[in-house]
Amino acid sequence: MGLEQTVIDGIVSGMREFETGNIFVQISAPISQGSSGGPVLNLKGEVIGVSTLMLKEGQNLNFAVSSKHIDELLKKQSY
């Protein structure tokens, strides 16, 4: 939609573990269809996660994969 480089504020609501065993960062910043994959930043501008999914069953149930988990995956993929 031509809205690249848009910044939205929000808070980290908690860390949640799903049935898969993966831990996600719950955030209040909205995630809409097509906006997943954006970085989630702390106040220092450091990436703490990547916006991933929202649950339609409630309001503001938005989640990001933690940067720690992404780092672990990248280490497994390195050759």
PDB file of N, CA and C in Angstrom:
ATOM      1  N   MET A   1       0.818  -1.202   0.000  1.00  0.00           N
ATOM      2  CA  MET A   1       0.000   0.000   0.000  1.00  0.00           C
ATOM      3  C   MET A   1       0.859   1.263   0.000  1.00  0.00           C
ATOM      4  N   GLY A   2       2.179   1.098  -0.150  1.00  0.00           N
ATOM      5  CA  GLY A   2       3.045   2.264  -0.187  1.00  0.00           C
ATOM      6  C   GLY A   2       3.296   2.882   1.175  1.00  0.00           C
ATOM      7  N   LEU A   3       3.165   2.114   2.231  1.00  0.00           N
ATOM      8  CA  LEU A   3       3.340   2.649   3.577  1.00  0.00           C
ATOM      9  C   LEU A   3       4.612   2.127   4.239  1.00  0.00           C
ATOM     10  N   GLU A   4       5.658   1.946   3.461  1.00  0.00           N
ATOM     11  CA  GLU A   4       6.906   1.445   3.992  1.00  0.00           C
ATOM     12  C   GLU A   4       7.468   2.429   5.014  1.00  0.00           C
ATOM     13  N   GLN A   5       8.318   1.903   5.892  1.00  0.00           N
ATOM     14  CA  GLN A   5       9.020   2.675   6.917  1.00  0.00           C
ATOM     15  C   GLN A   5       8.070   3.401   7.860  1.00  0.00           C
ATOM     16  N   THR A   6       6.950   2.772   8.173  1.00  0.00           N
ATOM     17  CA  THR A   6       5.999   3.309   9.131  1.00  0.00           C
ATOM     18  C   THR A   6       6.355   2.784  10.513  1.00  0.00           C
ATOM     19  N   VAL A   7       6.279   3.641  11.517  1.00  0.00           N
ATOM     20  CA  VAL A   7       6.589   3.258  12.884  1.00  0.00           C
ATOM     21  C   VAL A   7       5.320   3.333  13.721  1.00  0.00           C
ATOM     22  N   ILE A   8       5.094   2.289  14.531  1.00  0.00           N
ATOM     23  CA  ILE A   8       3.937   2.243  15.416  1.00  0.00           C
ATOM     24  C   ILE A   8       4.447   1.944  16.812  1.00  0.00           C
ATOM     25  N   ASP A   9       3.915   2.655  17.811  1.00  0.00           N
ATOM     26  CA  ASP A   9       4.341   2.368  19.176  1.00  0.00           C
ATOM     27  C   ASP A   9       3.501   1.257  19.778  1.00  0.00           C
ATOM     28  N   GLY A  10       4.013   0.651  20.806  1.00  0.00           N
ATOM     29  CA  GLY A  10       3.308  -0.419  21.489  1.00  0.00           C
ATOM     30  C   GLY A  10       4.102  -0.854  22.702  1.00  0.00           C
ATOM     31  N   ILE A  11       3.566  -1.803  23.428  1.00  0.00           N
ATOM     32  CA  ILE A  11       4.258  -2.322  24.606  1.00  0.00           C
ATOM     33  C   ILE A  11       4.395  -3.838  24.492  1.00  0.00           C
ATOM     34  N   VAL A  12       5.383  -4.354  25.187  1.00  0.00           N
ATOM     35  CA  VAL A  12       5.521  -5.799  25.306  1.00  0.00           C
ATOM     36  C   VAL A  12       4.601  -6.224  26.443  1.00  0.00           C
ATOM     37  N   SER A  13       3.646  -7.082  26.124  1.00  0.00           N
ATOM     38  CA  SER A  13       2.669  -7.525  27.113  1.00  0.00           C
ATOM     39  C   SER A  13       3.128  -8.765  27.858  1.00  0.00           C
ATOM     40  N   GLY A  14       4.019  -9.530  27.268  1.00  0.00           N
ATOM     41  CA  GLY A  14       4.506 -10.732  27.922  1.00  0.00           C
ATOM     42  C   GLY A  14       5.190 -11.662  26.951  1.00  0.00           C
ATOM     43  N   MET A  15       5.692 -12.743  27.519  1.00  0.00           N
ATOM     44  CA  MET A  15       6.305 -13.801  26.733  1.00  0.00           C
ATOM     45  C   MET A  15       5.358 -14.987  26.806  1.00  0.00           C
ATOM     46  N   ARG A  16       5.012 -15.558  25.660  1.00  0.00           N
ATOM     47  CA  ARG A  16       4.027 -16.645  25.612  1.00  0.00           C
ATOM     48  C   ARG A  16       4.610 -17.863  24.909  1.00  0.00           C
ATOM     49  N   GLU A  17       4.370 -19.024  25.495  1.00  0.00           N
ATOM     50  CA  GLU A  17       4.801 -20.275  24.875  1.00  0.00           C
ATOM     51  C   GLU A  17       3.580 -20.967  24.288  1.00  0.00           C
ATOM     52  N   PHE A  18       3.662 -21.298  23.012  1.00  0.00           N
ATOM     53  CA  PHE A  18       2.576 -21.980  22.324  1.00  0.00           C
ATOM     54  C   PHE A  18       2.779 -23.489  22.389  1.00  0.00           C
ATOM     55  N   GLU A  19       1.788 -24.234  21.947  1.00  0.00           N
ATOM     56  CA  GLU A  19       1.828 -25.699  21.974  1.00  0.00           C
ATOM     57  C   GLU A  19       3.037 -26.266  21.228  1.00  0.00           C
ATOM     58  N   THR A  20       3.555 -25.518  20.274  1.00  0.00           N
ATOM     59  CA  THR A  20       4.715 -25.972  19.502  1.00  0.00           C
ATOM     60  C   THR A  20       6.002 -25.915  20.321  1.00  0.00           C
ATOM     61  N   GLY A  21       5.953 -25.254  21.467  1.00  0.00           N
ATOM     62  CA  GLY A  21       7.142 -25.074  22.287  1.00  0.00           C
ATOM     63  C   GLY A  21       7.880 -23.791  21.982  1.00  0.00           C
ATOM     64  N   ASN A  22       7.462 -23.091  20.944  1.00  0.00           N
ATOM     65  CA  ASN A  22       8.096 -21.829  20.579  1.00  0.00           C
ATOM     66  C   ASN A  22       7.609 -20.708  21.492  1.00  0.00           C
ATOM     67  N   ILE A  23       8.529 -19.830  21.866  1.00  0.00           N
ATOM     68  CA  ILE A  23       8.191 -18.694  22.717  1.00  0.00           C
ATOM     69  C   ILE A  23       8.091 -17.451  21.845  1.00  0.00           C
ATOM     70  N   PHE A  24       6.997 -16.729  22.015  1.00  0.00           N
ATOM     71  CA  PHE A  24       6.746 -15.507  21.256  1.00  0.00           C
ATOM     72  C   PHE A  24       6.634 -14.321  22.205  1.00  0.00           C
ATOM     73  N   VAL A  25       6.955 -13.148  21.693  1.00  0.00           N
ATOM     74  CA  VAL A  25       6.793 -11.902  22.428  1.00  0.00           C
ATOM     75  C   VAL A  25       5.396 -11.381  22.106  1.00  0.00           C
ATOM     76  N   GLN A  26       4.559 -11.204  23.129  1.00  0.00           N
ATOM     77  CA  GLN A  26       3.232 -10.630  22.901  1.00  0.00           C
ATOM     78  C   GLN A  26       3.366  -9.116  22.916  1.00  0.00           C
ATOM     79  N   ILE A  27       2.844  -8.460  21.880  1.00  0.00           N
ATOM     80  CA  ILE A  27       2.974  -7.012  21.743  1.00  0.00           C
ATOM     81  C   ILE A  27       1.607  -6.372  21.523  1.00  0.00           C
ATOM     82  N   SER A  28       1.510  -5.097  21.912  1.00  0.00           N
ATOM     83  CA  SER A  28       0.246  -4.389  21.702  1.00  0.00           C
ATOM     84  C   SER A  28       0.204  -3.695  20.347  1.00  0.00           C
ATOM     85  N   ALA A  29       1.348  -3.546  19.693  1.00  0.00           N
ATOM     86  CA  ALA A  29       1.368  -2.927  18.363  1.00  0.00           C
ATOM     87  C   ALA A  29       0.574  -3.801  17.398  1.00  0.00           C
ATOM     88  N   PRO A  30      -0.328  -3.209  16.642  1.00  0.00           N
ATOM     89  CA  PRO A  30      -1.171  -4.007  15.750  1.00  0.00           C
ATOM     90  C   PRO A  30      -0.389  -4.626  14.594  1.00  0.00           C
ATOM     91  N   ILE A  31      -0.803  -5.825  14.233  1.00  0.00           N
ATOM     92  CA  ILE A  31      -0.266  -6.502  13.054  1.00  0.00           C
ATOM     93  C   ILE A  31      -1.455  -6.774  12.150  1.00  0.00           C
ATOM     94  N   SER A  32      -1.393  -6.283  10.941  1.00  0.00           N
ATOM     95  CA  SER A  32      -2.472  -6.539   9.994  1.00  0.00           C
ATOM     96  C   SER A  32      -1.943  -7.441   8.887  1.00  0.00           C
ATOM     97  N   GLN A  33      -2.854  -7.957   8.097  1.00  0.00           N
ATOM     98  CA  GLN A  33      -2.442  -8.831   7.003  1.00  0.00           C
ATOM     99  C   GLN A  33      -1.452  -8.102   6.116  1.00  0.00           C
ATOM    100  N   GLY A  34      -0.350  -8.741   5.854  1.00  0.00           N
ATOM    101  CA  GLY A  34       0.671  -8.158   4.996  1.00  0.00           C
ATOM    102  C   GLY A  34       1.727  -7.361   5.733  1.00  0.00           C
ATOM    103  N   SER A  35       1.543  -7.125   7.034  1.00  0.00           N
ATOM    104  CA  SER A  35       2.540  -6.330   7.759  1.00  0.00           C
ATOM    105  C   SER A  35       3.462  -7.177   8.615  1.00  0.00           C
ATOM    106  N   SER A  36       3.303  -8.481   8.591  1.00  0.00           N
ATOM    107  CA  SER A  36       4.218  -9.313   9.359  1.00  0.00           C
ATOM    108  C   SER A  36       5.602  -9.274   8.718  1.00  0.00           C
ATOM    109  N   GLY A  37       6.599  -9.581   9.505  1.00  0.00           N
ATOM    110  CA  GLY A  37       7.970  -9.558   9.001  1.00  0.00           C
ATOM    111  C   GLY A  37       8.724  -8.292   9.340  1.00  0.00           C
ATOM    112  N   GLY A  38       8.048  -7.328   9.939  1.00  0.00           N
ATOM    113  CA  GLY A  38       8.710  -6.090  10.336  1.00  0.00           C
ATOM    114  C   GLY A  38       9.409  -6.247  11.670  1.00  0.00           C
ATOM    115  N   PRO A  39      10.469  -5.485  11.894  1.00  0.00           N
ATOM    116  CA  PRO A  39      11.194  -5.595  13.163  1.00  0.00           C
ATOM    117  C   PRO A  39      10.399  -4.985  14.314  1.00  0.00           C
ATOM    118  N   VAL A  40      10.558  -5.577  15.500  1.00  0.00           N
ATOM    119  CA  VAL A  40      10.025  -5.017  16.738  1.00  0.00           C
ATOM    120  C   VAL A  40      11.240  -4.495  17.493  1.00  0.00           C
ATOM    121  N   LEU A  41      11.228  -3.206  17.805  1.00  0.00           N
ATOM    122  CA  LEU A  41      12.389  -2.537  18.394  1.00  0.00           C
ATOM    123  C   LEU A  41      12.139  -2.144  19.837  1.00  0.00           C
ATOM    124  N   ASN A  42      13.209  -2.117  20.645  1.00  0.00           N
ATOM    125  CA  ASN A  42      13.096  -1.570  21.987  1.00  0.00           C
ATOM    126  C   ASN A  42      13.408  -0.075  21.936  1.00  0.00           C
ATOM    127  N   LEU A  43      13.414   0.586  23.085  1.00  0.00           N
ATOM    128  CA  LEU A  43      13.650   2.035  23.107  1.00  0.00           C
ATOM    129  C   LEU A  43      15.049   2.428  22.646  1.00  0.00           C
ATOM    130  N   LYS A  44      15.978   1.476  22.653  1.00  0.00           N
ATOM    131  CA  LYS A  44      17.341   1.745  22.185  1.00  0.00           C
ATOM    132  C   LYS A  44      17.479   1.533  20.686  1.00  0.00           C
ATOM    133  N   GLY A  45      16.391   1.093  20.029  1.00  0.00           N
ATOM    134  CA  GLY A  45      16.442   0.825  18.601  1.00  0.00           C
ATOM    135  C   GLY A  45      16.973  -0.553  18.259  1.00  0.00           C
ATOM    136  N   GLU A  46      17.110  -1.418  19.264  1.00  0.00           N
ATOM    137  CA  GLU A  46      17.596  -2.778  19.047  1.00  0.00           C
ATOM    138  C   GLU A  46      16.426  -3.677  18.662  1.00  0.00           C
ATOM    139  N   VAL A  47      16.677  -4.591  17.745  1.00  0.00           N
ATOM    140  CA  VAL A  47      15.633  -5.522  17.319  1.00  0.00           C
ATOM    141  C   VAL A  47      15.460  -6.578  18.397  1.00  0.00           C
ATOM    142  N   ILE A  48      14.230  -6.695  18.929  1.00  0.00           N
ATOM    143  CA  ILE A  48      13.945  -7.725  19.937  1.00  0.00           C
ATOM    144  C   ILE A  48      13.081  -8.842  19.361  1.00  0.00           C
ATOM    145  N   GLY A  49      12.596  -8.635  18.137  1.00  0.00           N
ATOM    146  CA  GLY A  49      11.779  -9.654  17.508  1.00  0.00           C
ATOM    147  C   GLY A  49      11.331  -9.241  16.122  1.00  0.00           C
ATOM    148  N   VAL A  50      10.580 -10.138  15.498  1.00  0.00           N
ATOM    149  CA  VAL A  50      10.026  -9.891  14.169  1.00  0.00           C
ATOM    150  C   VAL A  50       8.529 -10.163  14.247  1.00  0.00           C
ATOM    151  N   SER A  51       7.717  -9.167  13.875  1.00  0.00           N
ATOM    152  CA  SER A  51       6.263  -9.330  13.938  1.00  0.00           C
ATOM    153  C   SER A  51       5.849 -10.515  13.077  1.00  0.00           C
ATOM    154  N   THR A  52       4.978 -11.345  13.644  1.00  0.00           N
ATOM    155  CA  THR A  52       4.693 -12.620  13.012  1.00  0.00           C
ATOM    156  C   THR A  52       3.224 -12.908  12.833  1.00  0.00           C
ATOM    157  N   LEU A  53       2.465 -12.814  13.908  1.00  0.00           N
ATOM    158  CA  LEU A  53       1.078 -13.253  13.805  1.00  0.00           C
ATOM    159  C   LEU A  53       0.177 -12.500  14.764  1.00  0.00           C
ATOM    160  N   MET A  54      -1.117 -12.597  14.471  1.00  0.00           N
ATOM    161  CA  MET A  54      -2.145 -12.061  15.352  1.00  0.00           C
ATOM    162  C   MET A  54      -3.212 -13.123  15.515  1.00  0.00           C
ATOM    163  N   LEU A  55      -3.829 -13.147  16.668  1.00  0.00           N
ATOM    164  CA  LEU A  55      -4.915 -14.076  16.904  1.00  0.00           C
ATOM    165  C   LEU A  55      -6.235 -13.321  16.765  1.00  0.00           C
ATOM    166  N   LYS A  56      -7.102 -13.810  15.933  1.00  0.00           N
ATOM    167  CA  LYS A  56      -8.374 -13.144  15.678  1.00  0.00           C
ATOM    168  C   LYS A  56      -9.351 -13.306  16.835  1.00  0.00           C
ATOM    169  N   GLU A  57      -9.053 -14.256  17.753  1.00  0.00           N
ATOM    170  CA  GLU A  57      -9.973 -14.562  18.839  1.00  0.00           C
ATOM    171  C   GLU A  57     -10.088 -13.441  19.876  1.00  0.00           C
ATOM    172  N   GLY A  58      -9.202 -12.465  19.864  1.00  0.00           N
ATOM    173  CA  GLY A  58      -9.238 -11.393  20.856  1.00  0.00           C
ATOM    174  C   GLY A  58      -8.679 -10.108  20.292  1.00  0.00           C
ATOM    175  N   GLN A  59      -8.695  -9.083  21.119  1.00  0.00           N
ATOM    176  CA  GLN A  59      -8.167  -7.792  20.693  1.00  0.00           C
ATOM    177  C   GLN A  59      -6.714  -7.652  21.145  1.00  0.00           C
ATOM    178  N   ASN A  60      -5.901  -7.101  20.284  1.00  0.00           N
ATOM    179  CA  ASN A  60      -4.484  -6.863  20.569  1.00  0.00           C
ATOM    180  C   ASN A  60      -3.730  -8.121  20.978  1.00  0.00           C
ATOM    181  N   LEU A  61      -4.031  -9.220  20.351  1.00  0.00           N
ATOM    182  CA  LEU A  61      -3.269 -10.447  20.561  1.00  0.00           C
ATOM    183  C   LEU A  61      -2.312 -10.595  19.393  1.00  0.00           C
ATOM    184  N   ASN A  62      -1.221  -9.856  19.473  1.00  0.00           N
ATOM    185  CA  ASN A  62      -0.235  -9.778  18.402  1.00  0.00           C
ATOM    186  C   ASN A  62       1.087 -10.330  18.927  1.00  0.00           C
ATOM    187  N   PHE A  63       1.818 -11.017  18.057  1.00  0.00           N
ATOM    188  CA  PHE A  63       3.010 -11.710  18.511  1.00  0.00           C
ATOM    189  C   PHE A  63       4.178 -11.530  17.553  1.00  0.00           C
ATOM    190  N   ALA A  64       5.374 -11.598  18.137  1.00  0.00           N
ATOM    191  CA  ALA A  64       6.612 -11.521  17.370  1.00  0.00           C
ATOM    192  C   ALA A  64       7.499 -12.689  17.765  1.00  0.00           C
ATOM    193  N   VAL A  65       8.217 -13.226  16.810  1.00  0.00           N
ATOM    194  CA  VAL A  65       9.241 -14.224  17.109  1.00  0.00           C
ATOM    195  C   VAL A  65      10.396 -13.460  17.756  1.00  0.00           C
ATOM    196  N   SER A  66      10.891 -13.965  18.878  1.00  0.00           N
ATOM    197  CA  SER A  66      11.968 -13.261  19.569  1.00  0.00           C
ATOM    198  C   SER A  66      13.254 -13.290  18.755  1.00  0.00           C
ATOM    199  N   SER A  67      14.043 -12.247  18.877  1.00  0.00           N
ATOM    200  CA  SER A  67      15.306 -12.193  18.144  1.00  0.00           C
ATOM    201  C   SER A  67      16.253 -13.288  18.630  1.00  0.00           C
ATOM    202  N   LYS A  68      16.122 -13.703  19.881  1.00  0.00           N
ATOM    203  CA  LYS A  68      16.945 -14.803  20.405  1.00  0.00           C
ATOM    204  C   LYS A  68      16.653 -16.091  19.636  1.00  0.00           C
ATOM    205  N   HIS A  69      15.387 -16.366  19.395  1.00  0.00           N
ATOM    206  CA  HIS A  69      15.008 -17.570  18.647  1.00  0.00           C
ATOM    207  C   HIS A  69      15.500 -17.479  17.197  1.00  0.00           C
ATOM    208  N   ILE A  70      15.376 -16.319  16.596  1.00  0.00           N
ATOM    209  CA  ILE A  70      15.839 -16.130  15.216  1.00  0.00           C
ATOM    210  C   ILE A  70      17.345 -16.350  15.143  1.00  0.00           C
ATOM    211  N   ASP A  71      18.070 -15.825  16.138  1.00  0.00           N
ATOM    212  CA  ASP A  71      19.519 -16.006  16.174  1.00  0.00           C
ATOM    213  C   ASP A  71      19.883 -17.489  16.250  1.00  0.00           C
ATOM    214  N   GLU A  72      19.147 -18.241  17.087  1.00  0.00           N
ATOM    215  CA  GLU A  72      19.397 -19.689  17.195  1.00  0.00           C
ATOM    216  C   GLU A  72      19.155 -20.397  15.864  1.00  0.00           C
ATOM    217  N   LEU A  73      18.089 -20.013  15.171  1.00  0.00           N
ATOM    218  CA  LEU A  73      17.801 -20.617  13.867  1.00  0.00           C
ATOM    219  C   LEU A  73      18.886 -20.311  12.854  1.00  0.00           C
ATOM    220  N   LEU A  74      19.374 -19.072  12.859  1.00  0.00           N
ATOM    221  CA  LEU A  74      20.426 -18.686  11.917  1.00  0.00           C
ATOM    222  C   LEU A  74      21.718 -19.446  12.184  1.00  0.00           C
ATOM    223  N   LYS A  75      22.027 -19.667  13.456  1.00  0.00           N
ATOM    224  CA  LYS A  75      23.233 -20.422  13.796  1.00  0.00           C
ATOM    225  C   LYS A  75      23.139 -21.856  13.301  1.00  0.00           C
ATOM    226  N   LYS A  76      21.942 -22.431  13.337  1.00  0.00           N
ATOM    227  CA  LYS A  76      21.743 -23.799  12.849  1.00  0.00           C
ATOM    228  C   LYS A  76      21.898 -23.864  11.329  1.00  0.00           C
ATOM    229  N   GLN A  77      21.568 -22.760  10.649  1.00  0.00           N
ATOM    230  CA  GLN A  77      21.606 -22.735   9.189  1.00  0.00           C
ATOM    231  C   GLN A  77      22.991 -22.391   8.644  1.00  0.00           C
ATOM    232  N   SER A  78      23.858 -21.822   9.483  1.00  0.00           N
ATOM    233  CA  SER A  78      25.165 -21.406   8.971  1.00  0.00           C
ATOM    234  C   SER A  78      25.998 -22.632   8.603  1.00  0.00           C
ATOM    235  N   TYR A  79      26.805 -22.480   7.585  1.00  0.00           N
ATOM    236  CA  TYR A  79      27.589 -23.592   7.070  1.00  0.00           C
ATOM    237  C   TYR A  79      29.042 -23.444   7.443  1.00  0.00           C
TER     238      TYR A  79
END
